[in-house]
Amino acid sequence: MEVYAHRGSHSGYHHTNFENTMEAFQYALEEQKCDGIECDLRMSQDGVPLIHHDPITRETNQVIRDTRFNDLQTPYKIPRLEEVFLLLKKTNKQCFLELKESDPMLLIKLIRLMDEMQMREQITCIGFPEHARALLHLAERCTIRVGLIPRTPIDVMRAIIQPFHIIMLGWTSPKERNLFLRFSFLLPFVVRLIRRRNKEIVAGVINNRIDMQEFLDYGISRIITDNVPEALFLKNSLM
């Protein structure tokens, strides 16, 4: 079992770090010894690749796309992508990097930085269809690992026949979880289809131990979670 801290180890699960900060990533990788992290990629007005989930900063309500990096004012420090790559190199851990934009300039900068810092073996770029497919078009020429976060069953079927390396199965909200569980009887069939195409599977965002165990039972051992303590407890119990 591999545990990936969703936006790092952040508030709500036994610590006070802001999500998507260096403190959250360091705690997950260096203190909790997670196998990796998941984080979100955007770009500032002046073209700096940075890590932030929402398009608007918390509390200060600045639109990231319309604000220069050094002018972003938040109660937490927004990391540059390069800072995260340096931490990953230091710890030799993996990262699922979710694309929040499909701007060609951002994608080109991402590819260049991955090459300059030799990060291709440690980074899997993932995203919803509109973002992941934009990178996939570029990645066909440069062998970057690209994964899809499907919104619908149709997205899953399309991803199976498209050249994605990895497909995420799971949910991003309680509503999606309820819908997913209603059709979970189809999961073994879907898993077989994906694996016949030699694609990898990651489960996310899974925060309940029972749900984690269900994915493990289907042979899906890579789990993206907010609830890192629960996931690590389960992982240790399997050893």
C-alpha atoms as a PDB file:
ATOM      1  CA  MET A   1       0.000   0.000   0.000  1.00  0.00           C
ATOM      2  CA  GLU A   2       1.237   3.484  -0.889  1.00  0.00           C
ATOM      3  CA  VAL A   3      -0.114   6.588   0.870  1.00  0.00           C
ATOM      4  CA  TYR A   4      -0.204   9.984  -0.849  1.00  0.00           C
ATOM      5  CA  ALA A   5      -1.094  13.038   1.232  1.00  0.00           C
ATOM      6  CA  HIS A   6      -3.769  15.059  -0.572  1.00  0.00           C
ATOM      7  CA  ARG A   7      -2.462  18.655  -0.608  1.00  0.00           C
ATOM      8  CA  GLY A   8       0.014  17.557   2.069  1.00  0.00           C
ATOM      9  CA  SER A   9      -0.845  16.849   5.705  1.00  0.00           C
ATOM     10  CA  HIS A  10      -3.100  19.742   6.643  1.00  0.00           C
ATOM     11  CA  SER A  11      -5.640  21.003   9.166  1.00  0.00           C
ATOM     12  CA  GLY A  12      -8.587  18.785   9.975  1.00  0.00           C
ATOM     13  CA  TYR A  13      -6.524  15.647  10.465  1.00  0.00           C
ATOM     14  CA  HIS A  14      -4.495  16.162  13.644  1.00  0.00           C
ATOM     15  CA  HIS A  15      -2.252  19.053  12.541  1.00  0.00           C
ATOM     16  CA  THR A  16      -2.578  22.770  11.825  1.00  0.00           C
ATOM     17  CA  ASN A  17      -0.728  23.187   8.531  1.00  0.00           C
ATOM     18  CA  PHE A  18      -2.455  25.013   5.701  1.00  0.00           C
ATOM     19  CA  GLU A  19      -3.052  22.767   2.694  1.00  0.00           C
ATOM     20  CA  ASN A  20      -0.697  23.003  -0.294  1.00  0.00           C
ATOM     21  CA  THR A  21       2.106  24.602   1.722  1.00  0.00           C
ATOM     22  CA  MET A  22       5.703  23.527   2.186  1.00  0.00           C
ATOM     23  CA  GLU A  23       4.951  22.857   5.867  1.00  0.00           C
ATOM     24  CA  ALA A  24       2.145  20.469   4.877  1.00  0.00           C
ATOM     25  CA  PHE A  25       4.361  18.694   2.331  1.00  0.00           C
ATOM     26  CA  GLN A  26       7.361  18.456   4.664  1.00  0.00           C
ATOM     27  CA  TYR A  27       5.245  17.040   7.463  1.00  0.00           C
ATOM     28  CA  ALA A  28       3.758  14.395   5.167  1.00  0.00           C
ATOM     29  CA  LEU A  29       7.059  13.342   3.605  1.00  0.00           C
ATOM     30  CA  GLU A  30       9.614  13.818   6.369  1.00  0.00           C
ATOM     31  CA  GLU A  31       7.631  13.273   9.569  1.00  0.00           C
ATOM     32  CA  GLN A  32       4.840  10.887   8.566  1.00  0.00           C
ATOM     33  CA  LYS A  33       6.949   9.124   5.908  1.00  0.00           C
ATOM     34  CA  CYS A  34       4.194   9.099   3.270  1.00  0.00           C
ATOM     35  CA  ASP A  35       5.096   7.610  -0.088  1.00  0.00           C
ATOM     36  CA  GLY A  36       4.252  10.895  -1.778  1.00  0.00           C
ATOM     37  CA  ILE A  37       1.969  13.891  -2.030  1.00  0.00           C
ATOM     38  CA  GLU A  38      -0.730  15.323  -4.269  1.00  0.00           C
ATOM     39  CA  CYS A  39      -0.785  19.057  -5.024  1.00  0.00           C
ATOM     40  CA  ASP A  40      -2.337  21.570  -7.424  1.00  0.00           C
ATOM     41  CA  LEU A  41      -0.611  23.591 -10.144  1.00  0.00           C
ATOM     42  CA  ARG A  42      -1.513  27.116 -11.264  1.00  0.00           C
ATOM     43  CA  MET A  43       0.339  30.142 -12.669  1.00  0.00           C
ATOM     44  CA  SER A  44       0.518  33.763 -11.522  1.00  0.00           C
ATOM     45  CA  GLN A  45       0.087  36.789 -13.755  1.00  0.00           C
ATOM     46  CA  ASP A  46       3.852  37.093 -14.222  1.00  0.00           C
ATOM     47  CA  GLY A  47       4.214  33.444 -15.262  1.00  0.00           C
ATOM     48  CA  VAL A  48       5.373  31.806 -12.030  1.00  0.00           C
ATOM     49  CA  PRO A  49       4.211  28.147 -11.688  1.00  0.00           C
ATOM     50  CA  LEU A  50       2.863  27.806  -8.158  1.00  0.00           C
ATOM     51  CA  ILE A  51       0.927  25.477  -5.899  1.00  0.00           C
ATOM     52  CA  HIS A  52      -2.633  26.479  -4.958  1.00  0.00           C
ATOM     53  CA  HIS A  53      -5.966  24.692  -5.229  1.00  0.00           C
ATOM     54  CA  ASP A  54      -8.449  27.520  -5.733  1.00  0.00           C
ATOM     55  CA  PRO A  55      -8.211  30.270  -8.366  1.00  0.00           C
ATOM     56  CA  ILE A  56      -8.675  32.874  -5.603  1.00  0.00           C
ATOM     57  CA  THR A  57      -6.562  33.167  -2.461  1.00  0.00           C
ATOM     58  CA  ARG A  58      -8.162  32.436   0.881  1.00  0.00           C
ATOM     59  CA  GLU A  59      -9.163  35.445   3.009  1.00  0.00           C
ATOM     60  CA  THR A  60      -7.455  38.049   0.789  1.00  0.00           C
ATOM     61  CA  ASN A  61      -9.556  37.074  -2.271  1.00  0.00           C
ATOM     62  CA  GLN A  62      -6.870  37.775  -4.866  1.00  0.00           C
ATOM     63  CA  VAL A  63      -7.333  36.215  -8.300  1.00  0.00           C
ATOM     64  CA  ILE A  64      -4.079  34.309  -8.801  1.00  0.00           C
ATOM     65  CA  ARG A  65      -4.169  34.620 -12.583  1.00  0.00           C
ATOM     66  CA  ASP A  66      -4.459  38.427 -12.275  1.00  0.00           C
ATOM     67  CA  THR A  67      -1.805  38.907  -9.580  1.00  0.00           C
ATOM     68  CA  ARG A  68       1.987  38.921  -9.704  1.00  0.00           C
ATOM     69  CA  PHE A  69       3.543  36.226  -7.531  1.00  0.00           C
ATOM     70  CA  ASN A  70       5.288  38.629  -5.164  1.00  0.00           C
ATOM     71  CA  ASP A  71       2.034  40.572  -4.696  1.00  0.00           C
ATOM     72  CA  LEU A  72       0.050  37.564  -3.463  1.00  0.00           C
ATOM     73  CA  GLN A  73      -0.823  38.213   0.176  1.00  0.00           C
ATOM     74  CA  THR A  74      -2.084  35.273   2.209  1.00  0.00           C
ATOM     75  CA  PRO A  75      -1.940  33.979   5.798  1.00  0.00           C
ATOM     76  CA  TYR A  76       0.076  31.074   4.347  1.00  0.00           C
ATOM     77  CA  LYS A  77       3.087  31.072   2.007  1.00  0.00           C
ATOM     78  CA  ILE A  78       2.242  29.889  -1.496  1.00  0.00           C
ATOM     79  CA  PRO A  79       5.026  27.592  -2.776  1.00  0.00           C
ATOM     80  CA  ARG A  80       6.624  27.888  -6.156  1.00  0.00           C
ATOM     81  CA  LEU A  81       6.634  24.625  -8.104  1.00  0.00           C
ATOM     82  CA  GLU A  82      10.424  24.595  -7.964  1.00  0.00           C
ATOM     83  CA  GLU A  83      10.349  24.518  -4.142  1.00  0.00           C
ATOM     84  CA  VAL A  84       8.167  21.412  -4.181  1.00  0.00           C
ATOM     85  CA  PHE A  85      10.431  19.716  -6.709  1.00  0.00           C
ATOM     86  CA  LEU A  86      13.448  20.408  -4.476  1.00  0.00           C
ATOM     87  CA  LEU A  87      11.695  18.763  -1.511  1.00  0.00           C
ATOM     88  CA  LEU A  88      10.749  15.759  -3.627  1.00  0.00           C
ATOM     89  CA  LYS A  89      14.346  15.364  -4.820  1.00  0.00           C
ATOM     90  CA  LYS A  90      15.611  15.629  -1.236  1.00  0.00           C
ATOM     91  CA  THR A  91      13.194  12.973   0.048  1.00  0.00           C
ATOM     92  CA  ASN A  92      13.115  10.869  -3.145  1.00  0.00           C
ATOM     93  CA  LYS A  93       9.317  10.715  -2.973  1.00  0.00           C
ATOM     94  CA  GLN A  94       6.566  10.744  -5.606  1.00  0.00           C
ATOM     95  CA  CYS A  95       4.018  13.424  -6.499  1.00  0.00           C
ATOM     96  CA  PHE A  96       0.657  13.507  -8.233  1.00  0.00           C
ATOM     97  CA  LEU A  97       0.590  17.033  -9.655  1.00  0.00           C
ATOM     98  CA  GLU A  98      -2.943  18.117 -10.529  1.00  0.00           C
ATOM     99  CA  LEU A  99      -3.246  20.607 -13.356  1.00  0.00           C
ATOM    100  CA  LYS A 100      -5.738  23.363 -12.544  1.00  0.00           C
ATOM    101  CA  GLU A 101      -5.177  25.187 -15.834  1.00  0.00           C
ATOM    102  CA  SER A 102      -4.500  24.196 -19.426  1.00  0.00           C
ATOM    103  CA  ASP A 103      -2.607  27.339 -20.488  1.00  0.00           C
ATOM    104  CA  PRO A 104       0.035  26.143 -23.003  1.00  0.00           C
ATOM    105  CA  MET A 105       2.630  28.469 -21.438  1.00  0.00           C
ATOM    106  CA  LEU A 106       2.140  26.860 -18.020  1.00  0.00           C
ATOM    107  CA  LEU A 107       2.382  23.371 -19.484  1.00  0.00           C
ATOM    108  CA  ILE A 108       5.567  24.237 -21.379  1.00  0.00           C
ATOM    109  CA  LYS A 109       7.119  25.708 -18.216  1.00  0.00           C
ATOM    110  CA  LEU A 110       6.152  22.568 -16.312  1.00  0.00           C
ATOM    111  CA  ILE A 111       7.819  20.310 -18.875  1.00  0.00           C
ATOM    112  CA  ARG A 112      10.967  22.451 -18.950  1.00  0.00           C
ATOM    113  CA  LEU A 113      11.271  22.502 -15.160  1.00  0.00           C
ATOM    114  CA  MET A 114      10.755  18.743 -14.964  1.00  0.00           C
ATOM    115  CA  ASP A 115      13.591  18.298 -17.451  1.00  0.00           C
ATOM    116  CA  GLU A 116      15.922  20.858 -15.817  1.00  0.00           C
ATOM    117  CA  MET A 117      15.481  19.245 -12.392  1.00  0.00           C
ATOM    118  CA  GLN A 118      15.283  15.659 -13.734  1.00  0.00           C
ATOM    119  CA  MET A 119      11.866  15.020 -12.176  1.00  0.00           C
ATOM    120  CA  ARG A 120      10.175  12.830 -14.772  1.00  0.00           C
ATOM    121  CA  GLU A 121      10.512   9.675 -12.680  1.00  0.00           C
ATOM    122  CA  GLN A 122       8.943  11.314  -9.614  1.00  0.00           C
ATOM    123  CA  ILE A 123       6.030  13.259 -11.117  1.00  0.00           C
ATOM    124  CA  THR A 124       2.724  12.057 -12.511  1.00  0.00           C
ATOM    125  CA  CYS A 125       0.638  14.916 -13.894  1.00  0.00           C
ATOM    126  CA  ILE A 126      -3.098  14.389 -13.413  1.00  0.00           C
ATOM    127  CA  GLY A 127      -6.176  16.442 -14.142  1.00  0.00           C
ATOM    128  CA  PHE A 128      -9.791  16.568 -15.149  1.00  0.00           C
ATOM    129  CA  PRO A 129     -10.358  15.921 -18.869  1.00  0.00           C
ATOM    130  CA  GLU A 130     -10.002  19.495 -20.156  1.00  0.00           C
ATOM    131  CA  HIS A 131      -6.615  19.936 -18.462  1.00  0.00           C
ATOM    132  CA  ALA A 132      -5.186  16.418 -18.730  1.00  0.00           C
ATOM    133  CA  ARG A 133      -5.873  16.147 -22.460  1.00  0.00           C
ATOM    134  CA  ALA A 134      -4.122  19.474 -23.106  1.00  0.00           C
ATOM    135  CA  LEU A 135      -0.942  18.131 -21.474  1.00  0.00           C
ATOM    136  CA  LEU A 136      -1.361  14.732 -23.113  1.00  0.00           C
ATOM    137  CA  HIS A 137      -1.135  16.437 -26.507  1.00  0.00           C
ATOM    138  CA  LEU A 138       2.269  17.893 -25.553  1.00  0.00           C
ATOM    139  CA  ALA A 139       3.409  14.834 -23.631  1.00  0.00           C
ATOM    140  CA  GLU A 140       3.079  12.558 -26.659  1.00  0.00           C
ATOM    141  CA  ARG A 141       6.404  14.024 -27.787  1.00  0.00           C
ATOM    142  CA  CYS A 142       8.211  14.008 -24.442  1.00  0.00           C
ATOM    143  CA  THR A 143       7.167  10.879 -22.461  1.00  0.00           C
ATOM    144  CA  ILE A 144       5.699  12.602 -19.417  1.00  0.00           C
ATOM    145  CA  ARG A 145       3.392  10.483 -17.278  1.00  0.00           C
ATOM    146  CA  VAL A 146      -0.154  11.855 -17.546  1.00  0.00           C
ATOM    147  CA  GLY A 147      -3.210  10.634 -15.646  1.00  0.00           C
ATOM    148  CA  LEU A 148      -6.921  11.399 -15.835  1.00  0.00           C
ATOM    149  CA  ILE A 149      -9.378  12.284 -13.079  1.00  0.00           C
ATOM    150  CA  PRO A 150     -12.661  11.222 -14.702  1.00  0.00           C
ATOM    151  CA  ARG A 151     -15.891  13.066 -13.987  1.00  0.00           C
ATOM    152  CA  THR A 152     -18.207  10.456 -15.489  1.00  0.00           C
ATOM    153  CA  PRO A 153     -18.176   6.753 -16.443  1.00  0.00           C
ATOM    154  CA  ILE A 154     -17.866   7.890 -20.062  1.00  0.00           C
ATOM    155  CA  ASP A 155     -14.622   9.679 -19.143  1.00  0.00           C
ATOM    156  CA  VAL A 156     -13.309   6.404 -17.702  1.00  0.00           C
ATOM    157  CA  MET A 157     -14.143   4.492 -20.885  1.00  0.00           C
ATOM    158  CA  ARG A 158     -12.503   7.154 -23.053  1.00  0.00           C
ATOM    159  CA  ALA A 159      -9.395   7.197 -20.862  1.00  0.00           C
ATOM    160  CA  ILE A 160      -9.014   3.432 -21.265  1.00  0.00           C
ATOM    161  CA  ILE A 161      -8.515   3.795 -25.018  1.00  0.00           C
ATOM    162  CA  GLN A 162      -6.534   7.040 -24.872  1.00  0.00           C
ATOM    163  CA  PRO A 163      -2.783   7.139 -24.117  1.00  0.00           C
ATOM    164  CA  PHE A 164      -3.094   8.046 -20.432  1.00  0.00           C
ATOM    165  CA  HIS A 165      -0.674   6.269 -18.114  1.00  0.00           C
ATOM    166  CA  ILE A 166      -2.883   6.267 -15.030  1.00  0.00           C
ATOM    167  CA  ILE A 167      -6.575   6.647 -14.160  1.00  0.00           C
ATOM    168  CA  MET A 168      -7.873   7.839 -10.818  1.00  0.00           C
ATOM    169  CA  LEU A 169     -10.931   6.059  -9.441  1.00  0.00           C
ATOM    170  CA  GLY A 170     -12.889   7.468  -6.517  1.00  0.00           C
ATOM    171  CA  TRP A 171     -14.499  10.804  -5.712  1.00  0.00           C
ATOM    172  CA  THR A 172     -13.827  14.409  -4.740  1.00  0.00           C
ATOM    173  CA  SER A 173     -16.989  15.113  -2.715  1.00  0.00           C
ATOM    174  CA  PRO A 174     -19.506  13.262  -0.486  1.00  0.00           C
ATOM    175  CA  LYS A 175     -22.091  13.481  -3.282  1.00  0.00           C
ATOM    176  CA  GLU A 176     -19.730  11.822  -5.740  1.00  0.00           C
ATOM    177  CA  ARG A 177     -18.880   9.175  -3.131  1.00  0.00           C
ATOM    178  CA  ASN A 178     -22.551   8.240  -2.740  1.00  0.00           C
ATOM    179  CA  LEU A 179     -22.950   7.977  -6.507  1.00  0.00           C
ATOM    180  CA  PHE A 180     -19.768   5.924  -6.852  1.00  0.00           C
ATOM    181  CA  LEU A 181     -20.811   3.466  -4.155  1.00  0.00           C
ATOM    182  CA  ARG A 182     -24.198   2.919  -5.845  1.00  0.00           C
ATOM    183  CA  PHE A 183     -22.337   1.549  -8.854  1.00  0.00           C
ATOM    184  CA  SER A 184     -19.397  -0.035  -7.026  1.00  0.00           C
ATOM    185  CA  PHE A 185     -20.528  -3.468  -8.228  1.00  0.00           C
ATOM    186  CA  LEU A 186     -19.059  -2.437 -11.610  1.00  0.00           C
ATOM    187  CA  LEU A 187     -15.635  -1.716 -10.112  1.00  0.00           C
ATOM    188  CA  PRO A 188     -14.095  -5.179 -10.732  1.00  0.00           C
ATOM    189  CA  PHE A 189     -15.115  -4.993 -14.401  1.00  0.00           C
ATOM    190  CA  VAL A 190     -13.671  -1.472 -14.788  1.00  0.00           C
ATOM    191  CA  VAL A 191     -10.417  -2.454 -13.053  1.00  0.00           C
ATOM    192  CA  ARG A 192      -9.979  -5.425 -15.392  1.00  0.00           C
ATOM    193  CA  LEU A 193     -10.567  -3.224 -18.454  1.00  0.00           C
ATOM    194  CA  ILE A 194      -8.013  -0.661 -17.306  1.00  0.00           C
ATOM    195  CA  ARG A 195      -5.369  -3.255 -16.533  1.00  0.00           C
ATOM    196  CA  ARG A 196      -5.850  -5.035 -19.848  1.00  0.00           C
ATOM    197  CA  ARG A 197      -4.658  -1.782 -21.393  1.00  0.00           C
ATOM    198  CA  ASN A 198      -1.582  -1.837 -19.115  1.00  0.00           C
ATOM    199  CA  LYS A 199      -2.624   1.325 -17.311  1.00  0.00           C
ATOM    200  CA  GLU A 200      -2.105   2.065 -13.636  1.00  0.00           C
ATOM    201  CA  ILE A 201      -4.860   2.954 -11.140  1.00  0.00           C
ATOM    202  CA  VAL A 202      -4.825   5.257  -8.133  1.00  0.00           C
ATOM    203  CA  ALA A 203      -7.721   5.706  -5.688  1.00  0.00           C
ATOM    204  CA  GLY A 204      -8.619   9.179  -4.438  1.00  0.00           C
ATOM    205  CA  VAL A 205      -9.658  11.093  -2.503  1.00  0.00           C
ATOM    206  CA  ILE A 206     -10.359   8.295   0.003  1.00  0.00           C
ATOM    207  CA  ASN A 207     -10.656   9.327   3.667  1.00  0.00           C
ATOM    208  CA  ASN A 208     -12.518   6.417   5.253  1.00  0.00           C
ATOM    209  CA  ARG A 209     -10.680   3.244   6.275  1.00  0.00           C
ATOM    210  CA  ILE A 210     -13.512   0.997   5.067  1.00  0.00           C
ATOM    211  CA  ASP A 211     -13.390   2.635   1.635  1.00  0.00           C
ATOM    212  CA  MET A 212      -9.602   2.311   1.552  1.00  0.00           C
ATOM    213  CA  GLN A 213      -9.880  -1.383   2.352  1.00  0.00           C
ATOM    214  CA  GLU A 214     -12.409  -1.881  -0.452  1.00  0.00           C
ATOM    215  CA  PHE A 215     -10.005  -0.443  -3.017  1.00  0.00           C
ATOM    216  CA  LEU A 216      -7.198  -2.577  -1.578  1.00  0.00           C
ATOM    217  CA  ASP A 217      -9.404  -5.643  -1.971  1.00  0.00           C
ATOM    218  CA  TYR A 218      -9.566  -4.888  -5.699  1.00  0.00           C
ATOM    219  CA  GLY A 219      -5.789  -4.655  -5.885  1.00  0.00           C
ATOM    220  CA  ILE A 220      -5.642  -0.831  -5.983  1.00  0.00           C
ATOM    221  CA  SER A 221      -2.850  -0.101  -3.538  1.00  0.00           C
ATOM    222  CA  ARG A 222      -2.088   3.560  -4.231  1.00  0.00           C
ATOM    223  CA  ILE A 223      -4.339   5.792  -2.115  1.00  0.00           C
ATOM    224  CA  ILE A 224      -4.589   9.594  -2.201  1.00  0.00           C
ATOM    225  CA  THR A 225      -6.096  10.790   1.077  1.00  0.00           C
ATOM    226  CA  ASP A 226      -6.654  13.757   3.385  1.00  0.00           C
ATOM    227  CA  ASN A 227      -6.787  11.348   6.320  1.00  0.00           C
ATOM    228  CA  VAL A 228      -3.123  10.418   6.373  1.00  0.00           C
ATOM    229  CA  PRO A 229      -3.098   9.027   9.960  1.00  0.00           C
ATOM    230  CA  GLU A 230      -5.896   6.575   9.118  1.00  0.00           C
ATOM    231  CA  ALA A 231      -4.225   5.499   5.892  1.00  0.00           C
ATOM    232  CA  LEU A 232      -0.852   4.992   7.568  1.00  0.00           C
ATOM    233  CA  PHE A 233      -2.495   2.995  10.365  1.00  0.00           C
ATOM    234  CA  LEU A 234      -4.066   0.717   7.752  1.00  0.00           C
ATOM    235  CA  LYS A 235      -0.791   0.429   5.853  1.00  0.00           C
ATOM    236  CA  ASN A 236       1.127  -0.530   9.003  1.00  0.00           C
ATOM    237  CA  SER A 237      -1.522  -3.091   9.942  1.00  0.00           C
ATOM    238  CA  LEU A 238      -0.936  -4.859   6.627  1.00  0.00           C
ATOM    239  CA  MET A 239       2.790  -5.286   7.213  1.00  0.00           C
END
